[in-house]
Structure formats: structure tokens, C-alpha cells
């Protein structure tokens, strides 16, 4: 698969080829655990999970661009199309945040419709923040050679 020719699955392939999986899992786990310890109790579990997901996607997206051991074609593609590259981690982080937020609101208060809209806005907000941060880092620090 060549990333330079613009295949249909290029953003997903680029994001997964250069994604530092170990650092992402460790960073997301640590962030989620610290968030849970700060909000101790059953009510803090959904917040801790969404914090862990957010930092998993953030560390993976940014680390993929900054890591020198990643595939050179993937890094070059991410530097050439920074906001396309940032879309895959943003969709992952925003979608997972929306799902966890919706499940937590339904379980806690049985708010099916209001919980849906709140979860959608939470997911859109998290995805937008991830997209902007990762896109700017890929644009500024990306390897364009």
C-alpha cells in the first residue's frame, strides 16, 4: 500500500503505521488512573475512562509524528496532510468519549435522549480538541522531507 497516492484508507493506515502503541497505552492508563484517584468512587469511573481514552489518542497521534522510529512514509504523509492525519485519532478519541459518556448517563439517571445529546456534544468537543492539537503538532513538527 502506498501512502503517497491517496488510497481510501490512507488516514487510518497512516495513523496506525506510525502510532506508538506502547506509549499510548501506558500514557492513557496512567492518566485514567490518576483521574480516578482524584475522583474516587463509582461516579469517577466514566470520567477516568474518558480521560484515559483522550490521552491515549493524544499521545498516539502526537507520538506518531514526533517519533523517529516510525515508518518514514507514514511520517511524511502525516506532515504533508496534518489535519487528515489528525482525523483518525480525533475520531477514535471523540467517538469513544461519546460512547462512554452516553452509557454512563443512561446507567446513572436513565436519561436516554438528554444523555444522547450530552454525549454527542462531549464526543464532538473531545474530538475537536484532539483534531486541533494533533493537526497543529503535525503541521509544525512534522518531517516534510
Protein backbone atom coordinates (compact mmCIF):
# COMPACT_ATOMS: atom_id res chain seq x y z
CA UNK A 1 0.00 0.00 0.00
CA UNK A 2 1.46 3.34 -0.96
CA UNK A 3 0.52 6.26 1.19
CA UNK A 4 1.59 8.87 -1.35
CA UNK A 5 -1.13 8.04 -3.87
CA UNK A 6 -4.11 8.73 -1.63
CA UNK A 7 -5.77 5.36 -1.06
CA UNK A 8 -9.21 5.32 0.52
CA UNK A 9 -7.93 4.15 3.93
CA UNK A 10 -4.86 6.38 3.98
CA UNK A 11 -5.63 8.31 7.22
CA UNK A 12 -6.30 5.12 9.16
CA UNK A 13 -3.30 3.32 7.66
CA UNK A 14 -1.02 6.26 8.30
CA UNK A 15 -2.20 6.68 11.87
CA UNK A 16 -1.82 3.01 12.71
CA UNK A 17 1.51 2.52 10.95
CA UNK A 18 3.29 5.22 12.92
CA UNK A 19 1.28 5.03 16.16
CA UNK A 20 3.43 4.34 19.28
CA UNK A 21 1.13 1.74 20.81
CA UNK A 22 3.11 1.06 23.98
CA UNK A 23 3.47 4.70 24.95
CA UNK A 24 -0.19 5.35 24.14
CA UNK A 25 -1.45 2.51 26.31
CA UNK A 26 0.81 3.42 29.22
CA UNK A 27 0.02 7.14 28.98
CA UNK A 28 -3.72 6.57 28.72
CA UNK A 29 -3.67 4.11 31.61
CA UNK A 30 -1.69 6.44 33.85
CA UNK A 31 -3.91 9.43 33.01
CA UNK A 32 -7.05 7.37 33.62
CA UNK A 33 -5.72 6.01 36.92
CA UNK A 34 -4.76 9.49 38.13
CA UNK A 35 -8.16 10.83 37.13
CA UNK A 36 -9.85 8.00 39.02
CA UNK A 37 -7.76 8.65 42.12
CA UNK A 38 -8.72 12.32 42.04
CA UNK A 39 -12.43 11.46 41.65
CA UNK A 40 -12.53 8.40 43.84
CA UNK A 41 -15.75 6.36 43.81
CA UNK A 42 -18.16 4.83 41.33
CA UNK A 43 -19.12 8.21 39.90
CA UNK A 44 -15.50 8.82 38.90
CA UNK A 45 -15.17 5.75 36.69
CA UNK A 46 -16.67 7.20 33.47
CA UNK A 47 -14.60 10.36 33.83
CA UNK A 48 -11.46 8.32 34.37
CA UNK A 49 -12.19 6.16 31.33
CA UNK A 50 -12.82 9.16 29.07
CA UNK A 51 -9.65 10.86 30.37
CA UNK A 52 -7.67 7.71 29.62
CA UNK A 53 -9.15 7.50 26.12
CA UNK A 54 -8.38 11.15 25.45
CA UNK A 55 -4.75 10.83 26.48
CA UNK A 56 -4.40 7.51 24.63
CA UNK A 57 -5.43 9.21 21.39
CA UNK A 58 -3.40 12.35 22.10
CA UNK A 59 -0.16 10.53 22.92
CA UNK A 60 -0.64 8.19 19.98
CA UNK A 61 -1.33 10.96 17.49
CA UNK A 62 1.42 13.29 18.62
CA UNK A 63 3.90 10.49 19.25
CA UNK A 64 3.37 9.11 15.78
CA UNK A 65 4.53 12.35 14.23
CA UNK A 66 7.41 13.04 16.61
CA UNK A 67 8.80 9.50 16.89
CA UNK A 68 11.79 8.91 14.61
CA UNK A 69 11.42 5.11 14.61
CA UNK A 70 8.07 5.31 12.82
CA UNK A 71 7.67 4.47 9.16
CA UNK A 72 9.11 7.29 7.06
CA UNK A 73 6.27 7.15 4.53
CA UNK A 74 3.69 7.49 7.27
CA UNK A 75 5.50 10.42 8.89
CA UNK A 76 5.89 12.13 5.51
CA UNK A 77 2.20 11.65 4.76
CA UNK A 78 1.24 12.97 8.21
CA UNK A 79 3.45 16.03 7.70
CA UNK A 80 2.03 16.66 4.23
CA UNK A 81 -1.60 16.27 5.30
CA UNK A 82 -1.54 17.11 9.03
CA UNK A 83 -5.26 17.56 9.60
CA UNK A 84 -6.17 14.44 7.62
CA UNK A 85 -3.74 12.52 9.81
CA UNK A 86 -5.24 14.10 12.94
CA UNK A 87 -8.73 12.97 11.92
CA UNK A 88 -8.14 9.30 12.78
CA UNK A 89 -7.05 9.85 16.41
CA UNK A 90 -9.74 12.54 16.81
CA UNK A 91 -12.46 10.17 15.62
CA UNK A 92 -11.18 7.45 17.91
CA UNK A 93 -11.00 9.72 20.95
CA UNK A 94 -14.23 11.60 20.27
CA UNK A 95 -16.24 8.51 19.39
CA UNK A 96 -15.09 6.56 22.42
CA UNK A 97 -15.73 9.56 24.67
CA UNK A 98 -19.26 9.88 23.31
CA UNK A 99 -19.99 6.19 23.82
CA UNK A 100 -18.66 6.08 27.38
CA UNK A 101 -20.46 9.33 28.28
CA UNK A 102 -23.76 8.02 26.88
CA UNK A 103 -23.51 4.69 28.68
CA UNK A 104 -22.65 6.47 31.94
CA UNK A 105 -25.59 8.87 31.64
CA UNK A 106 -28.05 6.07 30.86
CA UNK A 107 -26.81 3.94 33.74
CA UNK A 108 -26.77 6.77 36.27
CA UNK A 109 -30.06 8.53 35.52
CA UNK A 110 -31.84 6.66 32.71
CA UNK A 111 -31.71 9.85 30.62
CA UNK A 112 -31.90 8.28 27.18
CA UNK A 113 -32.47 11.32 24.98
CA UNK A 114 -30.85 14.07 27.03
CA UNK A 115 -27.95 11.74 27.70
CA UNK A 116 -27.59 11.17 23.96
CA UNK A 117 -27.27 14.86 23.17
CA UNK A 118 -24.88 15.46 26.06
CA UNK A 119 -22.74 12.54 24.99
CA UNK A 120 -22.68 13.74 21.38
CA UNK A 121 -21.51 17.18 22.44
CA UNK A 122 -18.90 15.68 24.79
CA UNK A 123 -17.60 13.49 21.97
CA UNK A 124 -17.58 16.35 19.48
CA UNK A 125 -15.72 18.57 21.93
CA UNK A 126 -13.08 15.95 22.71
CA UNK A 127 -12.68 15.08 19.04
CA UNK A 128 -12.33 18.72 18.03
CA UNK A 129 -9.69 19.39 20.68
CA UNK A 130 -7.74 16.29 19.64
CA UNK A 131 -8.01 17.20 15.96
CA UNK A 132 -6.70 20.72 16.50
CA UNK A 133 -3.84 19.75 18.84
CA UNK A 134 -2.61 16.81 16.76
CA UNK A 135 -3.05 18.72 13.50
CA UNK A 136 -1.03 21.69 14.72
CA UNK A 137 1.74 19.46 16.10
CA UNK A 138 1.88 17.51 12.83
CA UNK A 139 1.96 20.74 10.84
CA UNK A 140 4.70 22.37 12.90
CA UNK A 141 6.90 19.45 13.91
CA UNK A 142 6.25 17.07 11.02
CA UNK A 143 9.07 15.83 8.82
CA UNK A 144 8.39 17.22 5.34
CA UNK A 145 11.40 15.69 3.58
